Amino acid sequence: MKGASNLGYLYQLLAVAGWTSLLWLHSLSQPTLVVMGHDDPIVPMVNGQILARLIPNSRLEVMACGHLFIVTMPRETAKLFHRFVAEA
């Protein structure tokens, strides 16, 4: 896998430093699945917990891996997504 370019990384840092969705998450009405990797070195678990707590009708699922669960656990991730969509 190829990492982000220097410019892409800079844009990510700027986004983290200057934007938040926390103030309007309560207004989301659709069912929401929040998925986190248990051992994610990039996004701390508390981020997913905050999202799941602030978004009504949301559910937090934790994958037994790191940040790239879609790549490292594709079958398990697909099953999780499929179940969620079938429930909605």
C-alpha atoms as a PDB file:
ATOM      1  CA  MET A   1       0.000   0.000   0.000  1.00  0.00           C
ATOM      2  CA  LYS A   2       1.125   3.505  -0.716  1.00  0.00           C
ATOM      3  CA  GLY A   3       0.954   6.205   1.952  1.00  0.00           C
ATOM      4  CA  ALA A   4      -0.454   9.691   1.573  1.00  0.00           C
ATOM      5  CA  SER A   5       1.468  12.346  -0.309  1.00  0.00           C
ATOM      6  CA  ASN A   6       3.027  15.167   1.702  1.00  0.00           C
ATOM      7  CA  LEU A   7       0.328  17.542   0.455  1.00  0.00           C
ATOM      8  CA  GLY A   8      -2.426  15.051   1.322  1.00  0.00           C
ATOM      9  CA  TYR A   9      -0.971  14.604   4.788  1.00  0.00           C
ATOM     10  CA  LEU A  10      -0.844  18.395   5.257  1.00  0.00           C
ATOM     11  CA  TYR A  11      -4.519  18.677   4.260  1.00  0.00           C
ATOM     12  CA  GLN A  12      -5.425  15.970   6.794  1.00  0.00           C
ATOM     13  CA  LEU A  13      -3.577  17.823   9.556  1.00  0.00           C
ATOM     14  CA  LEU A  14      -5.320  21.083   8.663  1.00  0.00           C
ATOM     15  CA  ALA A  15      -8.720  19.370   8.700  1.00  0.00           C
ATOM     16  CA  VAL A  16      -8.096  17.897  12.136  1.00  0.00           C
ATOM     17  CA  ALA A  17      -6.925  21.230  13.495  1.00  0.00           C
ATOM     18  CA  GLY A  18      -9.785  23.352  12.245  1.00  0.00           C
ATOM     19  CA  TRP A  19     -13.045  21.458  11.754  1.00  0.00           C
ATOM     20  CA  THR A  20     -15.468  19.508  13.917  1.00  0.00           C
ATOM     21  CA  SER A  21     -18.837  17.872  13.380  1.00  0.00           C
ATOM     22  CA  LEU A  22     -19.612  17.535  17.085  1.00  0.00           C
ATOM     23  CA  LEU A  23     -22.063  20.429  17.099  1.00  0.00           C
ATOM     24  CA  TRP A  24     -24.462  18.915  14.564  1.00  0.00           C
ATOM     25  CA  LEU A  25     -24.146  15.151  15.078  1.00  0.00           C
ATOM     26  CA  HIS A  26     -27.331  15.188  17.170  1.00  0.00           C
ATOM     27  CA  SER A  27     -29.277  16.236  14.064  1.00  0.00           C
ATOM     28  CA  LEU A  28     -28.529  13.045  12.116  1.00  0.00           C
ATOM     29  CA  SER A  29     -31.651  10.941  11.843  1.00  0.00           C
ATOM     30  CA  GLN A  30     -30.577   7.945   9.765  1.00  0.00           C
ATOM     31  CA  PRO A  31     -29.323   4.736  11.402  1.00  0.00           C
ATOM     32  CA  THR A  32     -25.551   5.018  11.690  1.00  0.00           C
ATOM     33  CA  LEU A  33     -22.901   2.349  12.068  1.00  0.00           C
ATOM     34  CA  VAL A  34     -19.669   3.546  13.682  1.00  0.00           C
ATOM     35  CA  VAL A  35     -16.831   1.073  13.135  1.00  0.00           C
ATOM     36  CA  MET A  36     -13.462   1.245  14.886  1.00  0.00           C
ATOM     37  CA  GLY A  37     -10.405  -0.976  14.974  1.00  0.00           C
ATOM     38  CA  HIS A  38      -9.581  -2.114  18.513  1.00  0.00           C
ATOM     39  CA  ASP A  39      -5.857  -1.533  18.055  1.00  0.00           C
ATOM     40  CA  ASP A  40      -5.969   1.600  15.873  1.00  0.00           C
ATOM     41  CA  PRO A  41      -2.777   3.662  16.241  1.00  0.00           C
ATOM     42  CA  ILE A  42      -4.246   6.570  14.220  1.00  0.00           C
ATOM     43  CA  VAL A  43      -7.791   7.120  15.549  1.00  0.00           C
ATOM     44  CA  PRO A  44      -8.257   6.489  19.284  1.00  0.00           C
ATOM     45  CA  MET A  45     -11.238   4.369  20.362  1.00  0.00           C
ATOM     46  CA  VAL A  46     -12.667   7.323  22.265  1.00  0.00           C
ATOM     47  CA  ASN A  47     -13.431   9.011  18.912  1.00  0.00           C
ATOM     48  CA  GLY A  48     -15.800   6.205  17.955  1.00  0.00           C
ATOM     49  CA  GLN A  49     -17.351   6.207  21.398  1.00  0.00           C
ATOM     50  CA  ILE A  50     -18.027   9.948  21.156  1.00  0.00           C
ATOM     51  CA  LEU A  51     -19.584   9.577  17.704  1.00  0.00           C
ATOM     52  CA  ALA A  52     -21.805   6.712  18.810  1.00  0.00           C
ATOM     53  CA  ARG A  53     -22.904   8.632  21.900  1.00  0.00           C
ATOM     54  CA  LEU A  54     -23.720  11.847  20.021  1.00  0.00           C
ATOM     55  CA  ILE A  55     -25.419  10.360  16.936  1.00  0.00           C
ATOM     56  CA  PRO A  56     -28.982   9.236  17.668  1.00  0.00           C
ATOM     57  CA  ASN A  57     -29.857   5.735  16.452  1.00  0.00           C
ATOM     58  CA  SER A  58     -26.197   4.766  16.101  1.00  0.00           C
ATOM     59  CA  ARG A  59     -24.242   1.679  17.029  1.00  0.00           C
ATOM     60  CA  LEU A  60     -20.530   1.217  17.691  1.00  0.00           C
ATOM     61  CA  GLU A  61     -18.862  -1.943  16.426  1.00  0.00           C
ATOM     62  CA  VAL A  62     -15.227  -2.707  17.231  1.00  0.00           C
ATOM     63  CA  MET A  63     -13.120  -4.821  14.891  1.00  0.00           C
ATOM     64  CA  ALA A  64     -10.327  -6.983  16.293  1.00  0.00           C
ATOM     65  CA  CYS A  65      -7.582  -5.204  14.339  1.00  0.00           C
ATOM     66  CA  GLY A  66      -6.139  -1.778  13.636  1.00  0.00           C
ATOM     67  CA  HIS A  67      -6.953   1.202  11.422  1.00  0.00           C
ATOM     68  CA  LEU A  68      -7.370  -0.574   8.085  1.00  0.00           C
ATOM     69  CA  PHE A  69      -9.986  -3.168   9.044  1.00  0.00           C
ATOM     70  CA  ILE A  70     -11.577  -2.955   5.587  1.00  0.00           C
ATOM     71  CA  VAL A  71      -8.265  -4.130   4.101  1.00  0.00           C
ATOM     72  CA  THR A  72      -7.096  -6.539   6.810  1.00  0.00           C
ATOM     73  CA  MET A  73     -10.505  -8.092   7.564  1.00  0.00           C
ATOM     74  CA  PRO A  74     -12.541  -7.637   4.366  1.00  0.00           C
ATOM     75  CA  ARG A  75     -14.904 -10.589   4.838  1.00  0.00           C
ATOM     76  CA  GLU A  76     -15.732  -9.749   8.438  1.00  0.00           C
ATOM     77  CA  THR A  77     -16.192  -6.078   7.559  1.00  0.00           C
ATOM     78  CA  ALA A  78     -18.477  -6.916   4.625  1.00  0.00           C
ATOM     79  CA  LYS A  79     -20.595  -9.177   6.858  1.00  0.00           C
ATOM     80  CA  LEU A  80     -20.883  -6.423   9.453  1.00  0.00           C
ATOM     81  CA  PHE A  81     -21.952  -3.873   6.837  1.00  0.00           C
ATOM     82  CA  HIS A  82     -24.379  -6.310   5.228  1.00  0.00           C
ATOM     83  CA  ARG A  83     -26.060  -7.082   8.573  1.00  0.00           C
ATOM     84  CA  PHE A  84     -26.358  -3.381   9.365  1.00  0.00           C
ATOM     85  CA  VAL A  85     -27.945  -2.531   6.010  1.00  0.00           C
ATOM     86  CA  ALA A  86     -30.303  -5.530   6.254  1.00  0.00           C
ATOM     87  CA  GLU A  87     -31.468  -4.340   9.699  1.00  0.00           C
ATOM     88  CA  ALA A  88     -32.233  -0.852   8.407  1.00  0.00           C
END
